[in-house]
């Protein structure tokens, strides 16, 4: 969810584009390429400021249809050193491998 604090621009959701401006609340449902979203500042002189709100539920999996990538981010509250741990991977679907690849006696 986003809240536009200042400025104006556009939000792209799937193949649709909508104008946004100060005071707008924007909800972006989870899903595939049809719900992928991007906020764009269309002004050449003013900043577009917005607040992004997330559940921060782990893992987070996102698709990036423009670049044919996906990302996986897993957060662990506390690691062995007492600090939060983050595991992140950005890749492409054609990078996939078999579960047993490289395993001995598989």
N, C-alpha and C. Protein backbone atom coordinates (compact mmCIF):
# COMPACT_ATOMS: atom_id res chain seq x y z
N UNK A 1 0.85 -1.16 0.00
CA UNK A 1 0.00 0.00 0.00
C UNK A 1 0.90 1.23 0.00
N UNK A 2 0.46 2.25 -0.69
CA UNK A 2 1.22 3.49 -0.78
C UNK A 2 0.32 4.67 -0.45
N UNK A 3 0.91 5.70 0.15
CA UNK A 3 0.22 6.96 0.40
C UNK A 3 1.08 8.07 -0.18
N UNK A 4 0.51 8.84 -1.11
CA UNK A 4 1.26 9.91 -1.77
C UNK A 4 1.29 11.12 -0.85
N UNK A 5 2.49 11.48 -0.39
CA UNK A 5 2.68 12.60 0.53
C UNK A 5 2.79 13.94 -0.19
N UNK A 6 3.43 13.92 -1.35
CA UNK A 6 3.72 15.18 -2.04
C UNK A 6 3.96 14.89 -3.51
N UNK A 7 3.49 15.79 -4.37
CA UNK A 7 3.75 15.66 -5.79
C UNK A 7 2.68 14.88 -6.53
N UNK A 8 3.01 14.55 -7.77
CA UNK A 8 2.09 13.82 -8.63
C UNK A 8 2.90 12.94 -9.57
N UNK A 9 2.24 11.96 -10.13
CA UNK A 9 2.92 11.06 -11.06
C UNK A 9 1.94 10.03 -11.59
N UNK A 10 2.46 8.83 -11.80
CA UNK A 10 1.64 7.73 -12.30
C UNK A 10 1.98 6.45 -11.56
N UNK A 11 1.01 5.56 -11.51
CA UNK A 11 1.29 4.21 -11.06
C UNK A 11 0.92 3.28 -12.20
N UNK A 12 1.84 2.41 -12.48
CA UNK A 12 1.61 1.39 -13.50
C UNK A 12 1.29 0.09 -12.77
N UNK A 13 0.15 -0.50 -13.09
CA UNK A 13 -0.25 -1.79 -12.51
C UNK A 13 -0.61 -2.70 -13.67
N UNK A 14 0.22 -3.73 -13.87
CA UNK A 14 0.01 -4.58 -15.03
C UNK A 14 0.18 -3.77 -16.30
N UNK A 15 -0.81 -3.81 -17.16
CA UNK A 15 -0.73 -3.04 -18.41
C UNK A 15 -1.52 -1.74 -18.35
N UNK A 16 -1.94 -1.32 -17.15
CA UNK A 16 -2.69 -0.08 -16.99
C UNK A 16 -1.86 0.97 -16.26
N UNK A 17 -2.09 2.23 -16.61
CA UNK A 17 -1.42 3.35 -15.96
C UNK A 17 -2.48 4.31 -15.43
N UNK A 18 -2.30 4.78 -14.18
CA UNK A 18 -3.25 5.69 -13.55
C UNK A 18 -2.50 6.88 -12.97
N UNK A 19 -3.09 8.07 -13.09
CA UNK A 19 -2.51 9.27 -12.49
C UNK A 19 -2.64 9.18 -10.97
N UNK A 20 -1.62 9.67 -10.26
CA UNK A 20 -1.66 9.74 -8.80
C UNK A 20 -1.23 11.13 -8.37
N UNK A 21 -1.67 11.52 -7.18
CA UNK A 21 -1.32 12.86 -6.67
C UNK A 21 -1.36 12.84 -5.15
N UNK A 22 -0.92 13.94 -4.55
CA UNK A 22 -0.89 14.07 -3.11
C UNK A 22 -2.24 13.69 -2.50
N UNK A 23 -2.20 12.87 -1.44
CA UNK A 23 -3.40 12.45 -0.74
C UNK A 23 -3.96 11.12 -1.19
N UNK A 24 -3.47 10.58 -2.30
CA UNK A 24 -3.98 9.30 -2.79
C UNK A 24 -3.46 8.13 -1.96
N UNK A 25 -4.36 7.19 -1.67
CA UNK A 25 -4.00 5.88 -1.12
C UNK A 25 -4.05 4.89 -2.27
N UNK A 26 -3.06 4.02 -2.36
CA UNK A 26 -3.00 3.07 -3.46
C UNK A 26 -2.76 1.68 -2.88
N UNK A 27 -3.64 0.75 -3.20
CA UNK A 27 -3.47 -0.64 -2.77
C UNK A 27 -3.03 -1.46 -3.98
N UNK A 28 -2.02 -2.28 -3.78
CA UNK A 28 -1.49 -3.12 -4.86
C UNK A 28 -1.55 -4.57 -4.41
N UNK A 29 -2.51 -5.33 -4.93
CA UNK A 29 -2.63 -6.72 -4.50
C UNK A 29 -1.46 -7.57 -4.98
N UNK A 30 -1.18 -8.62 -4.24
CA UNK A 30 -0.15 -9.57 -4.66
C UNK A 30 -0.64 -10.33 -5.88
N UNK A 31 0.28 -10.84 -6.64
CA UNK A 31 -0.08 -11.61 -7.82
C UNK A 31 1.07 -11.69 -8.80
N UNK A 32 0.75 -11.91 -10.04
CA UNK A 32 1.76 -12.05 -11.08
C UNK A 32 1.94 -10.77 -11.87
N UNK A 33 2.33 -10.91 -13.14
CA UNK A 33 2.59 -9.74 -13.99
C UNK A 33 1.40 -8.80 -14.13
N UNK A 34 0.18 -9.33 -14.00
CA UNK A 34 -1.01 -8.48 -14.15
C UNK A 34 -1.21 -7.54 -12.97
N UNK A 35 -0.53 -7.76 -11.84
CA UNK A 35 -0.64 -6.86 -10.70
C UNK A 35 0.71 -6.23 -10.32
N UNK A 36 1.74 -6.49 -11.13
CA UNK A 36 3.04 -5.85 -10.87
C UNK A 36 2.85 -4.34 -10.91
N UNK A 37 3.54 -3.62 -10.04
CA UNK A 37 3.31 -2.19 -9.94
C UNK A 37 4.62 -1.41 -9.92
N UNK A 38 4.52 -0.18 -10.41
CA UNK A 38 5.66 0.73 -10.45
C UNK A 38 5.13 2.15 -10.30
N UNK A 39 5.71 2.93 -9.39
CA UNK A 39 5.35 4.33 -9.22
C UNK A 39 6.36 5.17 -9.98
N UNK A 40 5.86 6.11 -10.77
CA UNK A 40 6.71 6.92 -11.66
C UNK A 40 6.45 8.40 -11.39
N UNK A 41 7.52 9.16 -11.17
CA UNK A 41 7.42 10.61 -11.07
C UNK A 41 7.44 11.16 -12.49
N UNK A 42 6.35 11.77 -12.92
CA UNK A 42 6.27 12.30 -14.28
C UNK A 42 6.70 13.76 -14.37
N UNK A 43 7.02 14.37 -13.24
CA UNK A 43 7.44 15.78 -13.22
C UNK A 43 8.95 15.88 -13.44
N UNK A 44 9.36 16.90 -14.16
CA UNK A 44 10.79 17.16 -14.34
C UNK A 44 11.30 18.18 -13.32
N UNK A 45 10.38 18.76 -12.53
CA UNK A 45 10.79 19.81 -11.60
C UNK A 45 10.45 19.53 -10.13
N UNK A 46 9.47 18.68 -9.86
CA UNK A 46 9.04 18.44 -8.48
C UNK A 46 9.29 16.99 -8.08
N UNK A 47 9.54 16.79 -6.79
CA UNK A 47 9.71 15.44 -6.27
C UNK A 47 8.36 14.79 -6.04
N UNK A 48 8.31 13.49 -6.18
CA UNK A 48 7.14 12.70 -5.82
C UNK A 48 7.54 11.93 -4.57
N UNK A 49 6.89 12.22 -3.46
CA UNK A 49 7.20 11.55 -2.20
C UNK A 49 6.01 10.70 -1.79
N UNK A 50 6.31 9.46 -1.40
CA UNK A 50 5.23 8.57 -0.97
C UNK A 50 5.72 7.69 0.16
N UNK A 51 4.77 7.22 0.94
CA UNK A 51 5.02 6.31 2.04
C UNK A 51 4.60 4.92 1.59
N UNK A 52 5.50 3.96 1.70
CA UNK A 52 5.19 2.57 1.35
C UNK A 52 4.95 1.78 2.63
N UNK A 53 3.85 1.06 2.68
CA UNK A 53 3.48 0.27 3.85
C UNK A 53 3.47 -1.20 3.44
N UNK A 54 4.11 -2.04 4.24
CA UNK A 54 4.20 -3.46 3.93
C UNK A 54 3.94 -4.28 5.18
N UNK A 55 3.53 -5.52 4.99
CA UNK A 55 3.35 -6.42 6.11
C UNK A 55 4.69 -6.94 6.62
N UNK A 56 5.73 -6.85 5.78
CA UNK A 56 7.07 -7.36 6.11
C UNK A 56 7.01 -8.84 6.46
N UNK A 57 6.08 -9.56 5.85
CA UNK A 57 6.00 -11.00 6.08
C UNK A 57 7.07 -11.70 5.26
N UNK A 58 7.70 -12.67 5.85
CA UNK A 58 8.79 -13.36 5.19
C UNK A 58 8.35 -14.78 4.84
N UNK A 59 8.71 -15.29 3.69
CA UNK A 59 9.55 -14.65 2.68
C UNK A 59 8.73 -13.74 1.78
N UNK A 60 9.42 -12.82 1.14
CA UNK A 60 8.81 -11.95 0.15
C UNK A 60 9.30 -12.41 -1.22
N UNK A 61 8.38 -12.65 -2.12
CA UNK A 61 8.72 -13.10 -3.47
C UNK A 61 8.09 -12.11 -4.44
N UNK A 62 8.90 -11.58 -5.34
CA UNK A 62 8.41 -10.58 -6.28
C UNK A 62 8.89 -10.91 -7.69
N UNK A 63 8.03 -10.58 -8.66
CA UNK A 63 8.40 -10.70 -10.07
C UNK A 63 8.68 -9.32 -10.62
N UNK A 64 9.62 -9.24 -11.54
CA UNK A 64 9.96 -8.00 -12.23
C UNK A 64 9.77 -8.25 -13.72
N UNK A 65 8.53 -8.10 -14.22
CA UNK A 65 8.23 -8.49 -15.60
C UNK A 65 9.02 -7.72 -16.66
N UNK A 66 9.35 -6.46 -16.42
CA UNK A 66 10.09 -5.68 -17.42
C UNK A 66 11.46 -6.27 -17.71
N UNK A 67 12.08 -6.86 -16.70
CA UNK A 67 13.44 -7.40 -16.86
C UNK A 67 13.48 -8.92 -16.75
N UNK A 68 12.31 -9.56 -16.69
CA UNK A 68 12.20 -11.02 -16.63
C UNK A 68 12.97 -11.61 -15.44
N UNK A 69 12.93 -10.91 -14.30
CA UNK A 69 13.61 -11.38 -13.09
C UNK A 69 12.58 -11.70 -12.01
N UNK A 70 13.07 -12.35 -10.97
CA UNK A 70 12.28 -12.54 -9.76
C UNK A 70 13.23 -12.36 -8.58
N UNK A 71 12.66 -12.04 -7.44
CA UNK A 71 13.46 -11.87 -6.24
C UNK A 71 12.82 -12.60 -5.07
N UNK A 72 13.66 -13.15 -4.22
CA UNK A 72 13.21 -13.81 -2.99
C UNK A 72 14.00 -13.21 -1.84
N UNK A 73 13.31 -12.72 -0.84
CA UNK A 73 13.95 -12.17 0.34
C UNK A 73 13.35 -12.86 1.56
N UNK A 74 14.21 -13.47 2.36
CA UNK A 74 13.77 -14.12 3.60
C UNK A 74 14.47 -13.44 4.76
N UNK A 75 13.70 -13.05 5.74
CA UNK A 75 14.25 -12.36 6.92
C UNK A 75 14.11 -13.28 8.13
N UNK A 76 15.18 -13.37 8.88
CA UNK A 76 15.18 -14.12 10.13
C UNK A 76 15.36 -13.10 11.24
N UNK A 77 14.50 -13.09 12.25
CA UNK A 77 14.57 -12.05 13.28
C UNK A 77 15.94 -11.92 13.94
N UNK A 78 16.55 -13.05 14.28
CA UNK A 78 17.84 -12.97 14.98
C UNK A 78 18.74 -14.10 14.49
N UNK A 79 19.95 -13.72 14.09
CA UNK A 79 20.94 -14.71 13.69
C UNK A 79 21.78 -15.15 14.88
N UNK A 80 22.80 -15.93 14.60
CA UNK A 80 23.67 -16.44 15.67
C UNK A 80 24.39 -15.32 16.41
N UNK A 81 24.62 -14.20 15.71
CA UNK A 81 25.32 -13.08 16.34
C UNK A 81 24.37 -12.10 17.02
N UNK A 82 23.07 -12.45 17.06
CA UNK A 82 22.09 -11.59 17.72
C UNK A 82 21.52 -10.50 16.82
N UNK A 83 22.01 -10.42 15.58
CA UNK A 83 21.53 -9.42 14.63
C UNK A 83 20.58 -10.07 13.63
N UNK A 84 19.67 -9.28 13.05
CA UNK A 84 18.77 -9.84 12.03
C UNK A 84 19.57 -10.36 10.83
N UNK A 85 19.08 -11.45 10.25
CA UNK A 85 19.70 -12.03 9.06
C UNK A 85 18.76 -11.86 7.88
N UNK A 86 19.34 -11.64 6.71
CA UNK A 86 18.55 -11.54 5.49
C UNK A 86 19.21 -12.42 4.43
N UNK A 87 18.40 -13.24 3.80
CA UNK A 87 18.86 -14.04 2.66
C UNK A 87 18.11 -13.49 1.45
N UNK A 88 18.86 -13.10 0.42
CA UNK A 88 18.24 -12.50 -0.76
C UNK A 88 18.80 -13.15 -2.01
N UNK A 89 17.91 -13.39 -2.99
CA UNK A 89 18.33 -13.92 -4.28
C UNK A 89 17.53 -13.23 -5.37
N UNK A 90 18.21 -12.71 -6.36
CA UNK A 90 17.58 -12.14 -7.55
C UNK A 90 18.04 -13.00 -8.72
N UNK A 91 17.12 -13.47 -9.52
CA UNK A 91 17.50 -14.35 -10.63
C UNK A 91 16.48 -14.32 -11.75
N UNK A 92 16.69 -15.23 -12.69
CA UNK A 92 15.78 -15.41 -13.81
C UNK A 92 15.29 -16.86 -13.80
N UNK A 93 14.11 -17.08 -14.30
CA UNK A 93 13.54 -18.43 -14.30
C UNK A 93 14.41 -19.41 -15.06
N UNK A 94 15.11 -18.97 -16.11
CA UNK A 94 15.95 -19.89 -16.88
C UNK A 94 17.22 -20.30 -16.12
N UNK A 95 17.41 -19.76 -14.92
CA UNK A 95 18.55 -20.14 -14.08
C UNK A 95 18.21 -21.35 -13.19
N UNK A 96 16.98 -21.82 -13.25
CA UNK A 96 16.54 -22.90 -12.37
C UNK A 96 17.34 -24.18 -12.61
N UNK A 97 17.50 -24.95 -11.55
CA UNK A 97 18.17 -26.23 -11.67
C UNK A 97 17.38 -27.28 -10.89
N UNK A 98 17.67 -28.53 -11.16
CA UNK A 98 17.02 -29.63 -10.48
C UNK A 98 17.40 -29.62 -9.00
N UNK A 99 16.47 -30.01 -8.15
CA UNK A 99 16.69 -30.03 -6.70
C UNK A 99 17.94 -30.83 -6.33
N UNK A 100 18.18 -31.95 -7.00
CA UNK A 100 19.27 -32.85 -6.64
C UNK A 100 20.58 -32.52 -7.37
N UNK A 101 20.61 -31.52 -8.22
CA UNK A 101 21.83 -31.19 -8.96
C UNK A 101 22.99 -30.91 -8.01
N UNK A 102 24.11 -31.58 -8.25
CA UNK A 102 25.31 -31.37 -7.44
C UNK A 102 25.35 -32.15 -6.15
N UNK A 103 24.28 -32.87 -5.83
CA UNK A 103 24.25 -33.66 -4.60
C UNK A 103 24.84 -35.05 -4.86
N UNK A 104 25.69 -35.50 -3.98
CA UNK A 104 26.23 -36.85 -4.09
C UNK A 104 25.15 -37.87 -3.74
N UNK A 105 25.21 -39.02 -4.38
CA UNK A 105 24.30 -40.13 -4.11
C UNK A 105 22.83 -39.77 -4.33
N UNK A 106 22.57 -38.85 -5.22
CA UNK A 106 21.18 -38.45 -5.46
C UNK A 106 20.54 -39.31 -6.53
